Amino acid sequence: MTNVQHISSQSEIPNGQKYVLVTFGETSEQKSDSLGVTITVPHGTSMAMSDLSFTAALHSAKEIAKREKIPTVYACK
């Protein structure tokens, strides 16, 4: 089972650790690099819609983590 760890900043991810990160930003995007994947969820005009989008992104992140054998998904709001 994939753990979800809530963090306040991406800098809290230990150096060199593979990761999947879900965070808020200006636009919706998914970026990959050698250590992991970052899924960005846009801030919406409605907090309920933003939270729903964030939750959906967390589910996607868990699937990516499972496939890539990454034990922790980081959530940064």
PDB file of N, CA and C in Angstrom:
ATOM      1  N   MET A   1       0.843  -1.188   0.000  1.00  0.00           N
ATOM      2  CA  MET A   1       0.000   0.000   0.000  1.00  0.00           C
ATOM      3  C   MET A   1       0.883   1.245   0.000  1.00  0.00           C
ATOM      4  N   THR A   2       0.500   2.222  -0.757  1.00  0.00           N
ATOM      5  CA  THR A   2       1.264   3.456  -0.876  1.00  0.00           C
ATOM      6  C   THR A   2       0.873   4.430   0.224  1.00  0.00           C
ATOM      7  N   ASN A   3       1.877   4.963   0.906  1.00  0.00           N
ATOM      8  CA  ASN A   3       1.639   5.956   1.941  1.00  0.00           C
ATOM      9  C   ASN A   3       1.504   7.334   1.310  1.00  0.00           C
ATOM     10  N   VAL A   4       0.665   8.183   1.922  1.00  0.00           N
ATOM     11  CA  VAL A   4       0.578   9.586   1.526  1.00  0.00           C
ATOM     12  C   VAL A   4       1.096  10.404   2.689  1.00  0.00           C
ATOM     13  N   GLN A   5       2.127  11.191   2.429  1.00  0.00           N
ATOM     14  CA  GLN A   5       2.714  12.041   3.465  1.00  0.00           C
ATOM     15  C   GLN A   5       2.460  13.497   3.095  1.00  0.00           C
ATOM     16  N   HIS A   6       1.843  14.237   3.993  1.00  0.00           N
ATOM     17  CA  HIS A   6       1.578  15.654   3.760  1.00  0.00           C
ATOM     18  C   HIS A   6       2.808  16.461   4.169  1.00  0.00           C
ATOM     19  N   ILE A   7       3.238  17.340   3.271  1.00  0.00           N
ATOM     20  CA  ILE A   7       4.401  18.182   3.514  1.00  0.00           C
ATOM     21  C   ILE A   7       4.028  19.626   3.196  1.00  0.00           C
ATOM     22  N   SER A   8       4.823  20.558   3.709  1.00  0.00           N
ATOM     23  CA  SER A   8       4.534  21.974   3.458  1.00  0.00           C
ATOM     24  C   SER A   8       5.361  22.538   2.311  1.00  0.00           C
ATOM     25  N   SER A   9       6.397  21.790   1.883  1.00  0.00           N
ATOM     26  CA  SER A   9       7.269  22.269   0.815  1.00  0.00           C
ATOM     27  C   SER A   9       7.956  21.083   0.147  1.00  0.00           C
ATOM     28  N   GLN A  10       8.216  21.193  -1.138  1.00  0.00           N
ATOM     29  CA  GLN A  10       8.912  20.130  -1.861  1.00  0.00           C
ATOM     30  C   GLN A  10      10.293  19.868  -1.280  1.00  0.00           C
ATOM     31  N   SER A  11      10.874  20.850  -0.611  1.00  0.00           N
ATOM     32  CA  SER A  11      12.206  20.683  -0.023  1.00  0.00           C
ATOM     33  C   SER A  11      12.211  19.652   1.109  1.00  0.00           C
ATOM     34  N   GLU A  12      11.044  19.241   1.583  1.00  0.00           N
ATOM     35  CA  GLU A  12      10.960  18.226   2.633  1.00  0.00           C
ATOM     36  C   GLU A  12      11.133  16.801   2.105  1.00  0.00           C
ATOM     37  N   ILE A  13      11.145  16.636   0.797  1.00  0.00           N
ATOM     38  CA  ILE A  13      11.398  15.316   0.227  1.00  0.00           C
ATOM     39  C   ILE A  13      12.895  15.042   0.372  1.00  0.00           C
ATOM     40  N   PRO A  14      13.257  13.921   1.005  1.00  0.00           N
ATOM     41  CA  PRO A  14      14.689  13.629   1.215  1.00  0.00           C
ATOM     42  C   PRO A  14      15.462  13.588  -0.103  1.00  0.00           C
ATOM     43  N   ASN A  15      16.669  14.147  -0.078  1.00  0.00           N
ATOM     44  CA  ASN A  15      17.533  14.171  -1.260  1.00  0.00           C
ATOM     45  C   ASN A  15      17.773  12.762  -1.769  1.00  0.00           C
ATOM     46  N   GLY A  16      17.664  12.590  -3.068  1.00  0.00           N
ATOM     47  CA  GLY A  16      17.944  11.316  -3.692  1.00  0.00           C
ATOM     48  C   GLY A  16      16.823  10.301  -3.626  1.00  0.00           C
ATOM     49  N   GLN A  17      15.709  10.631  -2.984  1.00  0.00           N
ATOM     50  CA  GLN A  17      14.592   9.696  -2.860  1.00  0.00           C
ATOM     51  C   GLN A  17      13.664   9.811  -4.059  1.00  0.00           C
ATOM     52  N   LYS A  18      13.258   8.667  -4.618  1.00  0.00           N
ATOM     53  CA  LYS A  18      12.267   8.678  -5.690  1.00  0.00           C
ATOM     54  C   LYS A  18      10.948   9.135  -5.092  1.00  0.00           C
ATOM     55  N   TYR A  19      10.166   9.858  -5.880  1.00  0.00           N
ATOM     56  CA  TYR A  19       8.941  10.441  -5.329  1.00  0.00           C
ATOM     57  C   TYR A  19       7.850  10.599  -6.371  1.00  0.00           C
ATOM     58  N   VAL A  20       6.635  10.730  -5.860  1.00  0.00           N
ATOM     59  CA  VAL A  20       5.502  11.236  -6.620  1.00  0.00           C
ATOM     60  C   VAL A  20       4.945  12.356  -5.750  1.00  0.00           C
ATOM     61  N   LEU A  21       4.836  13.555  -6.302  1.00  0.00           N
ATOM     62  CA  LEU A  21       4.389  14.733  -5.571  1.00  0.00           C
ATOM     63  C   LEU A  21       3.131  15.291  -6.214  1.00  0.00           C
ATOM     64  N   VAL A  22       2.141  15.604  -5.377  1.00  0.00           N
ATOM     65  CA  VAL A  22       0.935  16.299  -5.837  1.00  0.00           C
ATOM     66  C   VAL A  22       0.925  17.653  -5.146  1.00  0.00           C
ATOM     67  N   THR A  23       0.793  18.711  -5.925  1.00  0.00           N
ATOM     68  CA  THR A  23       0.847  20.060  -5.370  1.00  0.00           C
ATOM     69  C   THR A  23      -0.106  20.984  -6.129  1.00  0.00           C
ATOM     70  N   PHE A  24      -0.397  22.131  -5.542  1.00  0.00           N
ATOM     71  CA  PHE A  24      -1.194  23.147  -6.214  1.00  0.00           C
ATOM     72  C   PHE A  24      -0.285  24.079  -6.995  1.00  0.00           C
ATOM     73  N   GLY A  25      -0.799  24.655  -8.080  1.00  0.00           N
ATOM     74  CA  GLY A  25      -0.049  25.605  -8.881  1.00  0.00           C
ATOM     75  C   GLY A  25      -0.999  26.415  -9.739  1.00  0.00           C
ATOM     76  N   GLU A  26      -0.437  27.097 -10.703  1.00  0.00           N
ATOM     77  CA  GLU A  26      -1.230  27.948 -11.588  1.00  0.00           C
ATOM     78  C   GLU A  26      -1.968  27.158 -12.658  1.00  0.00           C
ATOM     79  N   THR A  27      -1.307  26.133 -13.194  1.00  0.00           N
ATOM     80  CA  THR A  27      -1.903  25.354 -14.282  1.00  0.00           C
ATOM     81  C   THR A  27      -1.827  23.864 -13.959  1.00  0.00           C
ATOM     82  N   SER A  28      -2.606  23.090 -14.686  1.00  0.00           N
ATOM     83  CA  SER A  28      -2.593  21.643 -14.535  1.00  0.00           C
ATOM     84  C   SER A  28      -1.471  21.071 -15.386  1.00  0.00           C
ATOM     85  N   GLU A  29      -0.593  20.277 -14.772  1.00  0.00           N
ATOM     86  CA  GLU A  29       0.479  19.658 -15.545  1.00  0.00           C
ATOM     87  C   GLU A  29       1.057  18.467 -14.797  1.00  0.00           C
ATOM     88  N   GLN A  30       1.775  17.648 -15.532  1.00  0.00           N
ATOM     89  CA  GLN A  30       2.492  16.523 -14.959  1.00  0.00           C
ATOM     90  C   GLN A  30       3.891  16.542 -15.530  1.00  0.00           C
ATOM     91  N   LYS A  31       4.892  16.566 -14.655  1.00  0.00           N
ATOM     92  CA  LYS A  31       6.291  16.610 -15.074  1.00  0.00           C
ATOM     93  C   LYS A  31       7.029  15.422 -14.480  1.00  0.00           C
ATOM     94  N   SER A  32       7.963  14.896 -15.234  1.00  0.00           N
ATOM     95  CA  SER A  32       8.801  13.802 -14.753  1.00  0.00           C
ATOM     96  C   SER A  32      10.258  14.225 -14.829  1.00  0.00           C
ATOM     97  N   ASP A  33      11.051  13.699 -13.890  1.00  0.00           N
ATOM     98  CA  ASP A  33      12.496  13.847 -13.965  1.00  0.00           C
ATOM     99  C   ASP A  33      13.112  12.531 -13.506  1.00  0.00           C
ATOM    100  N   SER A  34      14.414  12.496 -13.313  1.00  0.00           N
ATOM    101  CA  SER A  34      15.084  11.232 -12.996  1.00  0.00           C
ATOM    102  C   SER A  34      14.662  10.648 -11.648  1.00  0.00           C
ATOM    103  N   LEU A  35      14.170  11.460 -10.723  1.00  0.00           N
ATOM    104  CA  LEU A  35      13.785  10.959  -9.404  1.00  0.00           C
ATOM    105  C   LEU A  35      12.290  10.797  -9.209  1.00  0.00           C
ATOM    106  N   GLY A  36      11.488  11.433 -10.042  1.00  0.00           N
ATOM    107  CA  GLY A  36      10.070  11.284  -9.778  1.00  0.00           C
ATOM    108  C   GLY A  36       9.155  12.030 -10.703  1.00  0.00           C
ATOM    109  N   VAL A  37       7.915  12.128 -10.217  1.00  0.00           N
ATOM    110  CA  VAL A  37       6.837  12.744 -10.974  1.00  0.00           C
ATOM    111  C   VAL A  37       6.171  13.798 -10.097  1.00  0.00           C
ATOM    112  N   THR A  38       5.895  14.964 -10.688  1.00  0.00           N
ATOM    113  CA  THR A  38       5.154  16.014  -9.996  1.00  0.00           C
ATOM    114  C   THR A  38       3.864  16.266 -10.756  1.00  0.00           C
ATOM    115  N   ILE A  39       2.747  16.148 -10.034  1.00  0.00           N
ATOM    116  CA  ILE A  39       1.432  16.434 -10.596  1.00  0.00           C
ATOM    117  C   ILE A  39       0.960  17.748  -9.985  1.00  0.00           C
ATOM    118  N   THR A  40       0.702  18.738 -10.833  1.00  0.00           N
ATOM    119  CA  THR A  40       0.255  20.044 -10.364  1.00  0.00           C
ATOM    120  C   THR A  40      -1.232  20.204 -10.649  1.00  0.00           C
ATOM    121  N   VAL A  41      -1.959  20.607  -9.622  1.00  0.00           N
ATOM    122  CA  VAL A  41      -3.404  20.830  -9.706  1.00  0.00           C
ATOM    123  C   VAL A  41      -3.633  22.334  -9.630  1.00  0.00           C
ATOM    124  N   PRO A  42      -4.367  22.913 -10.575  1.00  0.00           N
ATOM    125  CA  PRO A  42      -4.581  24.367 -10.527  1.00  0.00           C
ATOM    126  C   PRO A  42      -5.524  24.766  -9.392  1.00  0.00           C
ATOM    127  N   HIS A  43      -5.222  25.929  -8.796  1.00  0.00           N
ATOM    128  CA  HIS A  43      -6.155  26.513  -7.832  1.00  0.00           C
ATOM    129  C   HIS A  43      -7.387  26.946  -8.611  1.00  0.00           C
ATOM    130  N   GLY A  44      -8.545  26.566  -8.157  1.00  0.00           N
ATOM    131  CA  GLY A  44      -9.764  26.959  -8.843  1.00  0.00           C
ATOM    132  C   GLY A  44     -10.442  28.106  -8.130  1.00  0.00           C
ATOM    133  N   THR A  45     -11.535  28.554  -8.695  1.00  0.00           N
ATOM    134  CA  THR A  45     -12.307  29.614  -8.055  1.00  0.00           C
ATOM    135  C   THR A  45     -13.109  29.066  -6.884  1.00  0.00           C
ATOM    136  N   SER A  46     -13.333  27.752  -6.907  1.00  0.00           N
ATOM    137  CA  SER A  46     -14.084  27.101  -5.839  1.00  0.00           C
ATOM    138  C   SER A  46     -13.151  26.197  -5.050  1.00  0.00           C
ATOM    139  N   MET A  47     -13.088  26.379  -3.736  1.00  0.00           N
ATOM    140  CA  MET A  47     -12.234  25.542  -2.896  1.00  0.00           C
ATOM    141  C   MET A  47     -12.679  24.084  -2.972  1.00  0.00           C
ATOM    142  N   ALA A  48     -13.999  23.840  -3.039  1.00  0.00           N
ATOM    143  CA  ALA A  48     -14.499  22.468  -3.126  1.00  0.00           C
ATOM    144  C   ALA A  48     -14.012  21.793  -4.402  1.00  0.00           C
ATOM    145  N   MET A  49     -14.040  22.506  -5.526  1.00  0.00           N
ATOM    146  CA  MET A  49     -13.563  21.938  -6.788  1.00  0.00           C
ATOM    147  C   MET A  49     -12.057  21.713  -6.743  1.00  0.00           C
ATOM    148  N   SER A  50     -11.309  22.621  -6.152  1.00  0.00           N
ATOM    149  CA  SER A  50      -9.865  22.451  -6.032  1.00  0.00           C
ATOM    150  C   SER A  50      -9.539  21.226  -5.189  1.00  0.00           C
ATOM    151  N   ASP A  51     -10.259  21.053  -4.078  1.00  0.00           N
ATOM    152  CA  ASP A  51     -10.032  19.896  -3.215  1.00  0.00           C
ATOM    153  C   ASP A  51     -10.390  18.597  -3.932  1.00  0.00           C
ATOM    154  N   LEU A  52     -11.470  18.619  -4.694  1.00  0.00           N
ATOM    155  CA  LEU A  52     -11.879  17.438  -5.448  1.00  0.00           C
ATOM    156  C   LEU A  52     -10.822  17.089  -6.496  1.00  0.00           C
ATOM    157  N   SER A  53     -10.307  18.080  -7.188  1.00  0.00           N
ATOM    158  CA  SER A  53      -9.259  17.862  -8.183  1.00  0.00           C
ATOM    159  C   SER A  53      -7.986  17.333  -7.526  1.00  0.00           C
ATOM    160  N   PHE A  54      -7.654  17.860  -6.363  1.00  0.00           N
ATOM    161  CA  PHE A  54      -6.468  17.428  -5.637  1.00  0.00           C
ATOM    162  C   PHE A  54      -6.613  15.961  -5.232  1.00  0.00           C
ATOM    163  N   THR A  55      -7.802  15.593  -4.747  1.00  0.00           N
ATOM    164  CA  THR A  55      -8.060  14.208  -4.345  1.00  0.00           C
ATOM    165  C   THR A  55      -7.949  13.269  -5.540  1.00  0.00           C
ATOM    166  N   ALA A  56      -8.480  13.676  -6.676  1.00  0.00           N
ATOM    167  CA  ALA A  56      -8.372  12.865  -7.893  1.00  0.00           C
ATOM    168  C   ALA A  56      -6.912  12.700  -8.304  1.00  0.00           C
ATOM    169  N   ALA A  57      -6.129  13.769  -8.183  1.00  0.00           N
ATOM    170  CA  ALA A  57      -4.708  13.708  -8.528  1.00  0.00           C
ATOM    171  C   ALA A  57      -3.965  12.776  -7.574  1.00  0.00           C
ATOM    172  N   LEU A  58      -4.362  12.758  -6.295  1.00  0.00           N
ATOM    173  CA  LEU A  58      -3.739  11.846  -5.336  1.00  0.00           C
ATOM    174  C   LEU A  58      -3.989  10.388  -5.731  1.00  0.00           C
ATOM    175  N   HIS A  59      -5.189  10.090  -6.192  1.00  0.00           N
ATOM    176  CA  HIS A  59      -5.484   8.725  -6.644  1.00  0.00           C
ATOM    177  C   HIS A  59      -4.608   8.354  -7.837  1.00  0.00           C
ATOM    178  N   SER A  60      -4.434   9.270  -8.758  1.00  0.00           N
ATOM    179  CA  SER A  60      -3.552   9.029  -9.912  1.00  0.00           C
ATOM    180  C   SER A  60      -2.111   8.833  -9.447  1.00  0.00           C
ATOM    181  N   ALA A  61      -1.691   9.657  -8.493  1.00  0.00           N
ATOM    182  CA  ALA A  61      -0.329   9.574  -7.970  1.00  0.00           C
ATOM    183  C   ALA A  61      -0.074   8.217  -7.308  1.00  0.00           C
ATOM    184  N   LYS A  62      -1.069   7.705  -6.592  1.00  0.00           N
ATOM    185  CA  LYS A  62      -0.928   6.390  -5.958  1.00  0.00           C
ATOM    186  C   LYS A  62      -0.751   5.295  -7.010  1.00  0.00           C
ATOM    187  N   GLU A  63      -1.459   5.402  -8.108  1.00  0.00           N
ATOM    188  CA  GLU A  63      -1.320   4.411  -9.182  1.00  0.00           C
ATOM    189  C   GLU A  63       0.069   4.481  -9.808  1.00  0.00           C
ATOM    190  N   ILE A  64       0.563   5.693 -10.021  1.00  0.00           N
ATOM    191  CA  ILE A  64       1.918   5.869 -10.563  1.00  0.00           C
ATOM    192  C   ILE A  64       2.933   5.288  -9.595  1.00  0.00           C
ATOM    193  N   ALA A  65       2.793   5.602  -8.312  1.00  0.00           N
ATOM    194  CA  ALA A  65       3.723   5.108  -7.293  1.00  0.00           C
ATOM    195  C   ALA A  65       3.712   3.583  -7.235  1.00  0.00           C
ATOM    196  N   LYS A  66       2.547   3.003  -7.305  1.00  0.00           N
ATOM    197  CA  LYS A  66       2.427   1.541  -7.276  1.00  0.00           C
ATOM    198  C   LYS A  66       3.149   0.927  -8.477  1.00  0.00           C
ATOM    199  N   ARG A  67       2.903   1.482  -9.652  1.00  0.00           N
ATOM    200  CA  ARG A  67       3.517   0.976 -10.885  1.00  0.00           C
ATOM    201  C   ARG A  67       5.042   1.115 -10.844  1.00  0.00           C
ATOM    202  N   GLU A  68       5.523   2.239 -10.291  1.00  0.00           N
ATOM    203  CA  GLU A  68       6.960   2.522 -10.266  1.00  0.00           C
ATOM    204  C   GLU A  68       7.655   2.011  -8.993  1.00  0.00           C
ATOM    205  N   LYS A  69       6.873   1.361  -8.120  1.00  0.00           N
ATOM    206  CA  LYS A  69       7.391   0.826  -6.842  1.00  0.00           C
ATOM    207  C   LYS A  69       7.992   1.918  -5.963  1.00  0.00           C
ATOM    208  N   ILE A  70       7.264   3.026  -5.857  1.00  0.00           N
ATOM    209  CA  ILE A  70       7.652   4.149  -5.006  1.00  0.00           C
ATOM    210  C   ILE A  70       6.770   4.094  -3.770  1.00  0.00           C
ATOM    211  N   PRO A  71       7.331   3.983  -2.566  1.00  0.00           N
ATOM    212  CA  PRO A  71       6.518   3.748  -1.369  1.00  0.00           C
ATOM    213  C   PRO A  71       5.715   4.937  -0.860  1.00  0.00           C
ATOM    214  N   THR A  72       6.104   6.155  -1.219  1.00  0.00           N
ATOM    215  CA  THR A  72       5.441   7.323  -0.628  1.00  0.00           C
ATOM    216  C   THR A  72       5.028   8.325  -1.703  1.00  0.00           C
ATOM    217  N   VAL A  73       3.783   8.792  -1.574  1.00  0.00           N
ATOM    218  CA  VAL A  73       3.283   9.915  -2.362  1.00  0.00           C
ATOM    219  C   VAL A  73       3.298  11.107  -1.440  1.00  0.00           C
ATOM    220  N   TYR A  74       3.850  12.215  -1.902  1.00  0.00           N
ATOM    221  CA  TYR A  74       3.877  13.446  -1.108  1.00  0.00           C
ATOM    222  C   TYR A  74       2.770  14.375  -1.580  1.00  0.00           C
ATOM    223  N   ALA A  75       2.058  14.959  -0.634  1.00  0.00           N
ATOM    224  CA  ALA A  75       0.985  15.917  -0.925  1.00  0.00           C
ATOM    225  C   ALA A  75       1.365  17.242  -0.313  1.00  0.00           C
ATOM    226  N   CYS A  76       1.432  18.275  -1.127  1.00  0.00           N
ATOM    227  CA  CYS A  76       1.832  19.605  -0.665  1.00  0.00           C
ATOM    228  C   CYS A  76       0.758  20.599  -1.076  1.00  0.00           C
ATOM    229  N   LYS A  77      -0.023  21.073  -0.083  1.00  0.00           N
ATOM    230  CA  LYS A  77      -1.103  22.026  -0.370  1.00  0.00           C
ATOM    231  C   LYS A  77      -0.663  23.429  -0.143  1.00  0.00           C
TER     232      LYS A  77
END
